[in-house]
Amino acid sequence: MGKKLKNHFSNLENPLVSIIITTYNREEYIEQAITSVLSSTYINFELIISDDCSTDQSIFIINKYLNTDSRIKLYNNEINIGDYPNRNKAVSYTKGKYLKFVDSDDFVYPDTIRIMVDAMERHPSAAFAISSRTENVEKYFTSYEAYHYHFYKRGLLDYGPTAAIIRRNFFLQVGGFKELQNISDMDLWFRLAAKFSIVELPKNLVYWRIHANQQIKIAPEKYTEYYCRILSENLLSDACPLTKDESYKIIREKRHQNTLSIIRYFLSTYNLKKSLFLWKVNNHKMSELFQWN
């Protein structure tokens, strides 16, 4: 497409924001993710794209944009390493003060990045800011307030990476993402919120696409298993800002909620084998959480 164009409006050596798109076989959606970033009203960013050995037309589509904007850099993994290891690897290429993941099947709106950056600049102690599912105001939370609000009022830490912006040095300090498939993001939010303050942003800042190939739909049993695990590791951790009595109450309620979800799953699918597996995981894993009490 000709000589690569230089972007005169951003600091290419020291971008404030590193936007990261990790991808694997997303030919249907990757172009919309890229163009949404390039249409941002905020411009001081680099766009890191890390492809995890796609076998479809994803790379062809990405290559169309490489020579149009000098902020874009493409990295190709030599072997397929999986979603969250790929995210951690992509971070190693970044220079920005802030990390902004945009999943390759999602997209952001023109003002999304600007709103997120402005919020983080107003709250220099915050580890990350995350868009709300329901509220339309900006709120600041201490560690205790974030945990309490999430578990006792409504979900605060259960939105995916596209909805968040993260302070890079805090991300590195806690070790980045663990490999927990489709729940690694929530685990990271718990670990960051246990140590640092966070900011809730207004709703509808991102478009989170729902489709049949999402991991949460492909392997719901893994979601249950890993969700039990992160409750154990985070609610019973010494770093947890809640009291043990509060943690115990949450665990008891979550075990009951999981049981009802498994029953609903069986009634909607009549998949007895998978339902029994989920029941076993829920009761075994959750019962482990009561040993300390």
C-alpha atoms as a PDB file:
ATOM      1  CA  MET A   1       0.000   0.000   0.000  1.00  0.00           C
ATOM      2  CA  GLY A   2       2.966   2.257  -0.487  1.00  0.00           C
ATOM      3  CA  LYS A   3       5.357   3.943   1.906  1.00  0.00           C
ATOM      4  CA  LYS A   4       4.430   3.822   5.563  1.00  0.00           C
ATOM      5  CA  LEU A   5       2.876   7.088   6.655  1.00  0.00           C
ATOM      6  CA  LYS A   6       4.290   8.981   9.613  1.00  0.00           C
ATOM      7  CA  ASN A   7       1.841  10.111  12.254  1.00  0.00           C
ATOM      8  CA  HIS A   8       2.747  13.693  13.184  1.00  0.00           C
ATOM      9  CA  PHE A   9       0.325  13.996  16.068  1.00  0.00           C
ATOM     10  CA  SER A  10       1.615  11.410  18.528  1.00  0.00           C
ATOM     11  CA  ASN A  11       4.858  10.831  20.398  1.00  0.00           C
ATOM     12  CA  LEU A  12       6.079   7.676  18.698  1.00  0.00           C
ATOM     13  CA  GLU A  13       9.045   7.201  21.046  1.00  0.00           C
ATOM     14  CA  ASN A  14       7.091   7.779  24.251  1.00  0.00           C
ATOM     15  CA  PRO A  15       3.392   7.100  23.676  1.00  0.00           C
ATOM     16  CA  LEU A  16       1.252   7.635  26.748  1.00  0.00           C
ATOM     17  CA  VAL A  17      -0.986   4.671  25.934  1.00  0.00           C
ATOM     18  CA  SER A  18      -0.125   1.243  24.568  1.00  0.00           C
ATOM     19  CA  ILE A  19      -3.203  -0.204  22.896  1.00  0.00           C
ATOM     20  CA  ILE A  20      -2.982  -3.977  22.540  1.00  0.00           C
ATOM     21  CA  ILE A  21      -4.936  -6.208  20.187  1.00  0.00           C
ATOM     22  CA  THR A  22      -4.219  -9.909  20.583  1.00  0.00           C
ATOM     23  CA  THR A  23      -5.708 -12.111  17.929  1.00  0.00           C
ATOM     24  CA  TYR A  24      -6.180 -15.681  16.791  1.00  0.00           C
ATOM     25  CA  ASN A  25      -8.387 -16.455  13.791  1.00  0.00           C
ATOM     26  CA  ARG A  26     -10.529 -13.334  14.030  1.00  0.00           C
ATOM     27  CA  GLU A  27     -10.880 -12.524  10.333  1.00  0.00           C
ATOM     28  CA  GLU A  28     -14.558 -11.659  10.861  1.00  0.00           C
ATOM     29  CA  TYR A  29     -13.907  -8.953  13.452  1.00  0.00           C
ATOM     30  CA  ILE A  30     -10.248  -7.825  13.469  1.00  0.00           C
ATOM     31  CA  GLU A  31     -10.701  -5.034  10.921  1.00  0.00           C
ATOM     32  CA  GLN A  32     -13.429  -3.361  12.966  1.00  0.00           C
ATOM     33  CA  ALA A  33     -11.277  -3.575  16.096  1.00  0.00           C
ATOM     34  CA  ILE A  34      -8.340  -1.897  14.315  1.00  0.00           C
ATOM     35  CA  THR A  35     -10.371   0.838  12.638  1.00  0.00           C
ATOM     36  CA  SER A  36     -12.123   1.666  15.915  1.00  0.00           C
ATOM     37  CA  VAL A  37      -8.729   2.336  17.521  1.00  0.00           C
ATOM     38  CA  LEU A  38      -7.491   4.398  14.584  1.00  0.00           C
ATOM     39  CA  SER A  39     -10.694   6.473  14.715  1.00  0.00           C
ATOM     40  CA  SER A  40     -10.025   7.540  18.309  1.00  0.00           C
ATOM     41  CA  THR A  41     -10.088  11.224  19.175  1.00  0.00           C
ATOM     42  CA  TYR A  42      -7.141  10.461  21.478  1.00  0.00           C
ATOM     43  CA  ILE A  43      -4.008  10.033  19.369  1.00  0.00           C
ATOM     44  CA  ASN A  44      -0.944   9.664  21.618  1.00  0.00           C
ATOM     45  CA  PHE A  45      -0.800   5.894  21.471  1.00  0.00           C
ATOM     46  CA  GLU A  46       0.983   2.950  19.923  1.00  0.00           C
ATOM     47  CA  LEU A  47      -1.022   0.009  18.630  1.00  0.00           C
ATOM     48  CA  ILE A  48       0.567  -3.359  19.354  1.00  0.00           C
ATOM     49  CA  ILE A  49      -0.986  -6.304  17.514  1.00  0.00           C
ATOM     50  CA  SER A  50       0.149  -9.760  18.587  1.00  0.00           C
ATOM     51  CA  ASP A  51      -1.052 -12.647  16.430  1.00  0.00           C
ATOM     52  CA  ASP A  52      -1.057 -16.136  17.936  1.00  0.00           C
ATOM     53  CA  CYS A  53      -0.471 -18.153  14.735  1.00  0.00           C
ATOM     54  CA  SER A  54      -3.741 -17.426  12.966  1.00  0.00           C
ATOM     55  CA  THR A  55      -4.564 -19.767  10.097  1.00  0.00           C
ATOM     56  CA  ASP A  56      -7.311 -17.645   8.539  1.00  0.00           C
ATOM     57  CA  GLN A  57      -7.083 -14.246   6.804  1.00  0.00           C
ATOM     58  CA  SER A  58      -6.362 -12.252   9.987  1.00  0.00           C
ATOM     59  CA  ILE A  59      -2.743 -11.460   9.058  1.00  0.00           C
ATOM     60  CA  PHE A  60      -3.716 -10.400   5.545  1.00  0.00           C
ATOM     61  CA  ILE A  61      -6.265  -7.979   6.989  1.00  0.00           C
ATOM     62  CA  ILE A  62      -3.804  -6.599   9.565  1.00  0.00           C
ATOM     63  CA  ASN A  63      -1.122  -6.082   6.914  1.00  0.00           C
ATOM     64  CA  LYS A  64      -3.451  -3.742   5.025  1.00  0.00           C
ATOM     65  CA  TYR A  65      -3.092  -1.257   7.892  1.00  0.00           C
ATOM     66  CA  LEU A  66       0.621  -1.587   8.728  1.00  0.00           C
ATOM     67  CA  ASN A  67       1.758   0.881   6.071  1.00  0.00           C
ATOM     68  CA  THR A  68      -0.984   3.413   6.734  1.00  0.00           C
ATOM     69  CA  ASP A  69      -0.097   4.427  10.303  1.00  0.00           C
ATOM     70  CA  SER A  70       3.337   4.410  11.950  1.00  0.00           C
ATOM     71  CA  ARG A  71       1.780   3.771  15.367  1.00  0.00           C
ATOM     72  CA  ILE A  72       0.927   0.171  14.401  1.00  0.00           C
ATOM     73  CA  LYS A  73       3.340  -2.686  15.114  1.00  0.00           C
ATOM     74  CA  LEU A  74       2.620  -6.346  14.362  1.00  0.00           C
ATOM     75  CA  TYR A  75       4.235  -9.254  16.205  1.00  0.00           C
ATOM     76  CA  ASN A  76       3.744 -12.877  15.158  1.00  0.00           C
ATOM     77  CA  ASN A  77       4.199 -15.691  17.656  1.00  0.00           C
ATOM     78  CA  GLU A  78       6.276 -18.640  16.479  1.00  0.00           C
ATOM     79  CA  ILE A  79       3.928 -21.096  18.203  1.00  0.00           C
ATOM     80  CA  ASN A  80       0.388 -20.781  19.528  1.00  0.00           C
ATOM     81  CA  ILE A  81       0.640 -19.892  23.233  1.00  0.00           C
ATOM     82  CA  GLY A  82      -2.981 -19.129  24.121  1.00  0.00           C
ATOM     83  CA  ASP A  83      -4.990 -16.014  24.876  1.00  0.00           C
ATOM     84  CA  TYR A  84      -3.648 -14.692  28.172  1.00  0.00           C
ATOM     85  CA  PRO A  85      -0.004 -15.723  27.687  1.00  0.00           C
ATOM     86  CA  ASN A  86      -0.260 -13.828  24.401  1.00  0.00           C
ATOM     87  CA  ARG A  87      -1.539 -10.763  26.278  1.00  0.00           C
ATOM     88  CA  ASN A  88       1.416 -10.905  28.666  1.00  0.00           C
ATOM     89  CA  LYS A  89       3.821 -11.299  25.773  1.00  0.00           C
ATOM     90  CA  ALA A  90       2.261  -8.343  23.977  1.00  0.00           C
ATOM     91  CA  VAL A  91       2.796  -6.192  27.077  1.00  0.00           C
ATOM     92  CA  SER A  92       6.541  -6.897  26.825  1.00  0.00           C
ATOM     93  CA  TYR A  93       6.563  -4.936  23.557  1.00  0.00           C
ATOM     94  CA  THR A  94       4.868  -1.860  25.003  1.00  0.00           C
ATOM     95  CA  LYS A  95       6.255   1.545  25.964  1.00  0.00           C
ATOM     96  CA  GLY A  96       3.203   3.346  27.320  1.00  0.00           C
ATOM     97  CA  LYS A  97       2.314   4.476  30.809  1.00  0.00           C
ATOM     98  CA  TYR A  98      -1.102   2.854  30.341  1.00  0.00           C
ATOM     99  CA  LEU A  99      -2.174  -0.470  28.837  1.00  0.00           C
ATOM    100  CA  LYS A 100      -5.434  -0.559  26.890  1.00  0.00           C
ATOM    101  CA  PHE A 101      -6.518  -3.972  25.647  1.00  0.00           C
ATOM    102  CA  VAL A 102      -8.998  -4.083  22.792  1.00  0.00           C
ATOM    103  CA  ASP A 103     -10.088  -7.636  22.147  1.00  0.00           C
ATOM    104  CA  SER A 104     -10.014  -8.534  18.462  1.00  0.00           C
ATOM    105  CA  ASP A 105     -13.740  -9.312  18.446  1.00  0.00           C
ATOM    106  CA  ASP A 106     -14.716  -6.087  20.257  1.00  0.00           C
ATOM    107  CA  PHE A 107     -14.320  -2.416  19.434  1.00  0.00           C
ATOM    108  CA  VAL A 108     -14.081   0.978  21.116  1.00  0.00           C
ATOM    109  CA  TYR A 109     -15.859   4.234  20.364  1.00  0.00           C
ATOM    110  CA  PRO A 110     -14.096   7.441  19.228  1.00  0.00           C
ATOM    111  CA  ASP A 111     -13.959   9.010  22.716  1.00  0.00           C
ATOM    112  CA  THR A 112     -13.305   5.813  24.710  1.00  0.00           C
ATOM    113  CA  ILE A 113      -9.521   6.124  25.026  1.00  0.00           C
ATOM    114  CA  ARG A 114      -9.641   9.835  25.844  1.00  0.00           C
ATOM    115  CA  ILE A 115     -12.227   9.319  28.601  1.00  0.00           C
ATOM    116  CA  MET A 116     -10.215   6.480  30.117  1.00  0.00           C
ATOM    117  CA  VAL A 117      -6.892   8.343  30.011  1.00  0.00           C
ATOM    118  CA  ASP A 118      -8.403  11.490  31.527  1.00  0.00           C
ATOM    119  CA  ALA A 119      -9.816   9.448  34.423  1.00  0.00           C
ATOM    120  CA  MET A 120      -6.467   7.795  35.135  1.00  0.00           C
ATOM    121  CA  GLU A 121      -4.671  11.119  35.023  1.00  0.00           C
ATOM    122  CA  ARG A 122      -7.139  12.512  37.569  1.00  0.00           C
ATOM    123  CA  HIS A 123      -6.523   9.536  39.877  1.00  0.00           C
ATOM    124  CA  PRO A 124      -2.769   8.842  39.889  1.00  0.00           C
ATOM    125  CA  SER A 125      -3.039   6.252  42.668  1.00  0.00           C
ATOM    126  CA  ALA A 126      -5.519   4.073  40.750  1.00  0.00           C
ATOM    127  CA  ALA A 127      -4.254   0.807  39.271  1.00  0.00           C
ATOM    128  CA  PHE A 128      -6.953   0.656  36.633  1.00  0.00           C
ATOM    129  CA  ALA A 129     -10.249   2.113  35.514  1.00  0.00           C
ATOM    130  CA  ILE A 130     -13.102  -0.024  34.242  1.00  0.00           C
ATOM    131  CA  SER A 131     -16.331   0.806  32.474  1.00  0.00           C
ATOM    132  CA  SER A 132     -19.536   0.117  34.378  1.00  0.00           C
ATOM    133  CA  ARG A 133     -22.242  -2.201  33.119  1.00  0.00           C
ATOM    134  CA  THR A 134     -25.047  -0.093  34.590  1.00  0.00           C
ATOM    135  CA  GLU A 135     -23.916   3.263  36.005  1.00  0.00           C
ATOM    136  CA  ASN A 136     -23.234   6.492  34.139  1.00  0.00           C
ATOM    137  CA  VAL A 137     -20.921   8.328  36.532  1.00  0.00           C
ATOM    138  CA  GLU A 138     -17.262   8.165  37.471  1.00  0.00           C
ATOM    139  CA  LYS A 139     -16.524   6.702  40.931  1.00  0.00           C
ATOM    140  CA  TYR A 140     -13.301   6.244  42.907  1.00  0.00           C
ATOM    141  CA  PHE A 141     -12.898   3.186  45.142  1.00  0.00           C
ATOM    142  CA  THR A 142     -10.368   2.215  47.777  1.00  0.00           C
ATOM    143  CA  SER A 143      -9.437  -1.476  47.924  1.00  0.00           C
ATOM    144  CA  TYR A 144     -12.012  -2.265  50.613  1.00  0.00           C
ATOM    145  CA  GLU A 145     -14.710  -0.235  48.865  1.00  0.00           C
ATOM    146  CA  ALA A 146     -14.058  -1.989  45.541  1.00  0.00           C
ATOM    147  CA  TYR A 147     -14.323  -5.486  47.013  1.00  0.00           C
ATOM    148  CA  HIS A 148     -17.342  -4.608  49.126  1.00  0.00           C
ATOM    149  CA  TYR A 149     -19.108  -2.917  46.237  1.00  0.00           C
ATOM    150  CA  HIS A 150     -18.399  -5.794  43.871  1.00  0.00           C
ATOM    151  CA  PHE A 151     -19.681  -8.559  46.146  1.00  0.00           C
ATOM    152  CA  TYR A 152     -22.336  -6.853  48.242  1.00  0.00           C
ATOM    153  CA  LYS A 153     -23.931  -4.405  45.818  1.00  0.00           C
ATOM    154  CA  ARG A 154     -23.307  -5.250  42.181  1.00  0.00           C
ATOM    155  CA  GLY A 155     -20.517  -6.502  39.961  1.00  0.00           C
ATOM    156  CA  LEU A 156     -17.668  -4.057  39.566  1.00  0.00           C
ATOM    157  CA  LEU A 157     -14.836  -6.415  38.617  1.00  0.00           C
ATOM    158  CA  ASP A 158     -16.537  -8.726  36.152  1.00  0.00           C
ATOM    159  CA  TYR A 159     -16.029  -6.954  32.830  1.00  0.00           C
ATOM    160  CA  GLY A 160     -13.447  -7.986  30.227  1.00  0.00           C
ATOM    161  CA  PRO A 161     -10.133  -6.293  29.291  1.00  0.00           C
ATOM    162  CA  THR A 162     -11.654  -4.163  26.516  1.00  0.00           C
ATOM    163  CA  ALA A 163     -13.608  -2.277  29.196  1.00  0.00           C
ATOM    164  CA  ALA A 164     -10.500  -1.351  31.209  1.00  0.00           C
ATOM    165  CA  ILE A 165      -7.341   0.723  31.120  1.00  0.00           C
ATOM    166  CA  ILE A 166      -4.445  -0.348  33.349  1.00  0.00           C
ATOM    167  CA  ARG A 167      -1.439   1.461  34.790  1.00  0.00           C
ATOM    168  CA  ARG A 168       1.438  -0.491  33.256  1.00  0.00           C
ATOM    169  CA  ASN A 169       3.796  -0.462  36.267  1.00  0.00           C
ATOM    170  CA  PHE A 170       1.056  -1.858  38.538  1.00  0.00           C
ATOM    171  CA  PHE A 171       0.248  -4.557  35.976  1.00  0.00           C
ATOM    172  CA  LEU A 172       3.881  -5.646  36.003  1.00  0.00           C
ATOM    173  CA  GLN A 173       4.093  -5.384  39.791  1.00  0.00           C
ATOM    174  CA  VAL A 174       1.387  -8.032  40.320  1.00  0.00           C
ATOM    175  CA  GLY A 175       2.751 -10.300  37.591  1.00  0.00           C
ATOM    176  CA  GLY A 176       0.215  -9.672  34.841  1.00  0.00           C
ATOM    177  CA  PHE A 177      -2.392 -12.228  33.811  1.00  0.00           C
ATOM    178  CA  LYS A 178      -2.450 -15.784  35.099  1.00  0.00           C
ATOM    179  CA  GLU A 179      -3.401 -18.539  32.668  1.00  0.00           C
ATOM    180  CA  LEU A 180      -7.018 -19.106  33.696  1.00  0.00           C
ATOM    181  CA  GLN A 181      -8.628 -19.010  30.265  1.00  0.00           C
ATOM    182  CA  ASN A 182     -11.734 -16.835  30.155  1.00  0.00           C
ATOM    183  CA  ILE A 183     -11.568 -15.663  33.764  1.00  0.00           C
ATOM    184  CA  SER A 184      -7.964 -14.412  33.917  1.00  0.00           C
ATOM    185  CA  ASP A 185      -9.152 -10.827  33.608  1.00  0.00           C
ATOM    186  CA  MET A 186     -11.363 -11.013  36.715  1.00  0.00           C
ATOM    187  CA  ASP A 187      -8.505 -12.589  38.654  1.00  0.00           C
ATOM    188  CA  LEU A 188      -6.249  -9.675  37.661  1.00  0.00           C
ATOM    189  CA  TRP A 189      -8.882  -7.131  38.732  1.00  0.00           C
ATOM    190  CA  PHE A 190      -9.118  -8.846  42.139  1.00  0.00           C
ATOM    191  CA  ARG A 191      -5.348  -8.827  42.630  1.00  0.00           C
ATOM    192  CA  LEU A 192      -4.971  -5.197  41.571  1.00  0.00           C
ATOM    193  CA  ALA A 193      -7.977  -4.013  43.593  1.00  0.00           C
ATOM    194  CA  ALA A 194      -6.621  -5.758  46.707  1.00  0.00           C
ATOM    195  CA  LYS A 195      -3.493  -3.586  46.613  1.00  0.00           C
ATOM    196  CA  PHE A 196      -4.515  -0.345  44.913  1.00  0.00           C
ATOM    197  CA  SER A 197      -7.455   1.981  44.404  1.00  0.00           C
ATOM    198  CA  ILE A 198      -9.519   1.758  41.213  1.00  0.00           C
ATOM    199  CA  VAL A 199     -11.941   3.905  39.222  1.00  0.00           C
ATOM    200  CA  GLU A 200     -15.313   2.938  37.798  1.00  0.00           C
ATOM    201  CA  LEU A 201     -16.096   4.692  34.525  1.00  0.00           C
ATOM    202  CA  PRO A 202     -19.459   5.405  32.888  1.00  0.00           C
ATOM    203  CA  LYS A 203     -21.213   2.598  31.027  1.00  0.00           C
ATOM    204  CA  ASN A 204     -21.257   2.005  27.263  1.00  0.00           C
ATOM    205  CA  LEU A 205     -17.642   2.959  26.590  1.00  0.00           C
ATOM    206  CA  VAL A 206     -16.945  -0.221  24.634  1.00  0.00           C
ATOM    207  CA  TYR A 207     -18.749  -2.711  22.450  1.00  0.00           C
ATOM    208  CA  TRP A 208     -18.417  -6.228  23.826  1.00  0.00           C
ATOM    209  CA  ARG A 209     -19.423  -8.653  21.115  1.00  0.00           C
ATOM    210  CA  ILE A 210     -21.303 -11.829  22.045  1.00  0.00           C
ATOM    211  CA  HIS A 211     -20.817 -14.770  19.677  1.00  0.00           C
ATOM    212  CA  ALA A 212     -20.669 -18.552  19.623  1.00  0.00           C
ATOM    213  CA  ASN A 213     -16.862 -18.839  19.568  1.00  0.00           C
ATOM    214  CA  GLN A 214     -16.237 -17.151  22.915  1.00  0.00           C
ATOM    215  CA  GLN A 215     -14.455 -19.329  25.474  1.00  0.00           C
ATOM    216  CA  ILE A 216     -17.157 -18.780  28.085  1.00  0.00           C
ATOM    217  CA  LYS A 217     -19.643 -20.405  25.682  1.00  0.00           C
ATOM    218  CA  ILE A 218     -17.309 -23.146  24.499  1.00  0.00           C
ATOM    219  CA  ALA A 219     -16.234 -24.346  27.954  1.00  0.00           C
ATOM    220  CA  PRO A 220     -18.670 -23.260  30.713  1.00  0.00           C
ATOM    221  CA  GLU A 221     -17.342 -26.013  32.997  1.00  0.00           C
ATOM    222  CA  LYS A 222     -13.909 -24.382  32.948  1.00  0.00           C
ATOM    223  CA  TYR A 223     -15.480 -21.066  33.902  1.00  0.00           C
ATOM    224  CA  THR A 224     -17.049 -22.678  36.994  1.00  0.00           C
ATOM    225  CA  GLU A 225     -13.819 -24.417  37.940  1.00  0.00           C
ATOM    226  CA  TYR A 226     -11.630 -21.328  37.575  1.00  0.00           C
ATOM    227  CA  TYR A 227     -14.181 -19.047  39.208  1.00  0.00           C
ATOM    228  CA  CYS A 228     -14.093 -21.235  42.320  1.00  0.00           C
ATOM    229  CA  ARG A 229     -10.314 -21.094  42.192  1.00  0.00           C
ATOM    230  CA  ILE A 230     -10.024 -17.333  42.018  1.00  0.00           C
ATOM    231  CA  LEU A 231     -12.509 -16.944  44.867  1.00  0.00           C
ATOM    232  CA  SER A 232     -10.291 -19.202  46.937  1.00  0.00           C
ATOM    233  CA  GLU A 233      -7.067 -17.454  46.035  1.00  0.00           C
ATOM    234  CA  ASN A 234      -8.339 -13.900  46.374  1.00  0.00           C
ATOM    235  CA  LEU A 235     -10.981 -13.930  49.120  1.00  0.00           C
ATOM    236  CA  LEU A 236      -8.810 -16.026  51.436  1.00  0.00           C
ATOM    237  CA  SER A 237      -5.581 -14.258  50.576  1.00  0.00           C
ATOM    238  CA  ASP A 238      -3.814 -12.189  53.228  1.00  0.00           C
ATOM    239  CA  ALA A 239      -4.062  -9.316  50.753  1.00  0.00           C
ATOM    240  CA  CYS A 240      -7.876  -9.420  50.698  1.00  0.00           C
ATOM    241  CA  PRO A 241      -9.215  -6.153  52.153  1.00  0.00           C
ATOM    242  CA  LEU A 242     -12.413  -7.783  53.474  1.00  0.00           C
ATOM    243  CA  THR A 243     -12.733  -9.364  56.899  1.00  0.00           C
ATOM    244  CA  LYS A 244     -12.828 -13.165  57.143  1.00  0.00           C
ATOM    245  CA  ASP A 245     -16.471 -13.024  58.191  1.00  0.00           C
ATOM    246  CA  GLU A 246     -17.305 -11.042  55.072  1.00  0.00           C
ATOM    247  CA  SER A 247     -15.331 -13.432  52.884  1.00  0.00           C
ATOM    248  CA  TYR A 248     -17.076 -16.439  54.434  1.00  0.00           C
ATOM    249  CA  LYS A 249     -20.498 -14.930  53.766  1.00  0.00           C
ATOM    250  CA  ILE A 250     -19.596 -14.282  50.134  1.00  0.00           C
ATOM    251  CA  ILE A 251     -18.304 -17.827  49.623  1.00  0.00           C
ATOM    252  CA  ARG A 252     -21.489 -19.311  51.081  1.00  0.00           C
ATOM    253  CA  GLU A 253     -23.667 -17.166  48.822  1.00  0.00           C
ATOM    254  CA  LYS A 254     -21.595 -17.932  45.727  1.00  0.00           C
ATOM    255  CA  ARG A 255     -21.796 -21.655  46.374  1.00  0.00           C
ATOM    256  CA  HIS A 256     -25.590 -21.381  46.520  1.00  0.00           C
ATOM    257  CA  GLN A 257     -25.693 -19.270  43.349  1.00  0.00           C
ATOM    258  CA  ASN A 258     -23.466 -21.747  41.498  1.00  0.00           C
ATOM    259  CA  THR A 259     -25.755 -24.600  42.500  1.00  0.00           C
ATOM    260  CA  LEU A 260     -28.788 -22.798  41.093  1.00  0.00           C
ATOM    261  CA  SER A 261     -26.881 -21.989  37.888  1.00  0.00           C
ATOM    262  CA  ILE A 262     -25.971 -25.660  37.405  1.00  0.00           C
ATOM    263  CA  ILE A 263     -29.604 -26.683  37.855  1.00  0.00           C
ATOM    264  CA  ARG A 264     -30.675 -24.076  35.278  1.00  0.00           C
ATOM    265  CA  TYR A 265     -27.968 -25.297  32.917  1.00  0.00           C
ATOM    266  CA  PHE A 266     -29.231 -28.893  33.150  1.00  0.00           C
ATOM    267  CA  LEU A 267     -32.860 -27.863  32.640  1.00  0.00           C
ATOM    268  CA  SER A 268     -31.926 -25.904  29.512  1.00  0.00           C
ATOM    269  CA  THR A 269     -29.555 -28.485  27.976  1.00  0.00           C
ATOM    270  CA  TYR A 270     -30.373 -31.857  29.581  1.00  0.00           C
ATOM    271  CA  ASN A 271     -26.635 -32.517  29.429  1.00  0.00           C
ATOM    272  CA  LEU A 272     -26.390 -34.777  32.470  1.00  0.00           C
ATOM    273  CA  LYS A 273     -22.693 -35.593  32.106  1.00  0.00           C
ATOM    274  CA  LYS A 274     -21.554 -31.986  32.024  1.00  0.00           C
ATOM    275  CA  SER A 275     -24.061 -30.968  34.706  1.00  0.00           C
ATOM    276  CA  LEU A 276     -22.719 -33.621  37.057  1.00  0.00           C
ATOM    277  CA  PHE A 277     -19.181 -32.483  36.353  1.00  0.00           C
ATOM    278  CA  LEU A 278     -20.110 -28.883  37.158  1.00  0.00           C
ATOM    279  CA  TRP A 279     -21.859 -30.043  40.335  1.00  0.00           C
ATOM    280  CA  LYS A 280     -18.753 -31.946  41.413  1.00  0.00           C
ATOM    281  CA  VAL A 281     -16.454 -29.006  40.685  1.00  0.00           C
ATOM    282  CA  ASN A 282     -18.702 -26.563  42.505  1.00  0.00           C
ATOM    283  CA  ASN A 283     -19.125 -28.648  45.636  1.00  0.00           C
ATOM    284  CA  HIS A 284     -15.550 -29.916  45.782  1.00  0.00           C
ATOM    285  CA  LYS A 285     -13.849 -26.620  45.069  1.00  0.00           C
ATOM    286  CA  MET A 286     -16.194 -24.505  47.139  1.00  0.00           C
ATOM    287  CA  SER A 287     -16.052 -26.910  50.091  1.00  0.00           C
ATOM    288  CA  GLU A 288     -12.292 -26.389  50.168  1.00  0.00           C
ATOM    289  CA  LEU A 289     -12.925 -22.735  50.929  1.00  0.00           C
ATOM    290  CA  PHE A 290     -14.615 -23.563  54.213  1.00  0.00           C
ATOM    291  CA  GLN A 291     -11.619 -25.362  55.701  1.00  0.00           C
ATOM    292  CA  TRP A 292     -10.183 -22.227  57.245  1.00  0.00           C
ATOM    293  CA  ASN A 293     -13.393 -21.323  59.063  1.00  0.00           C
END
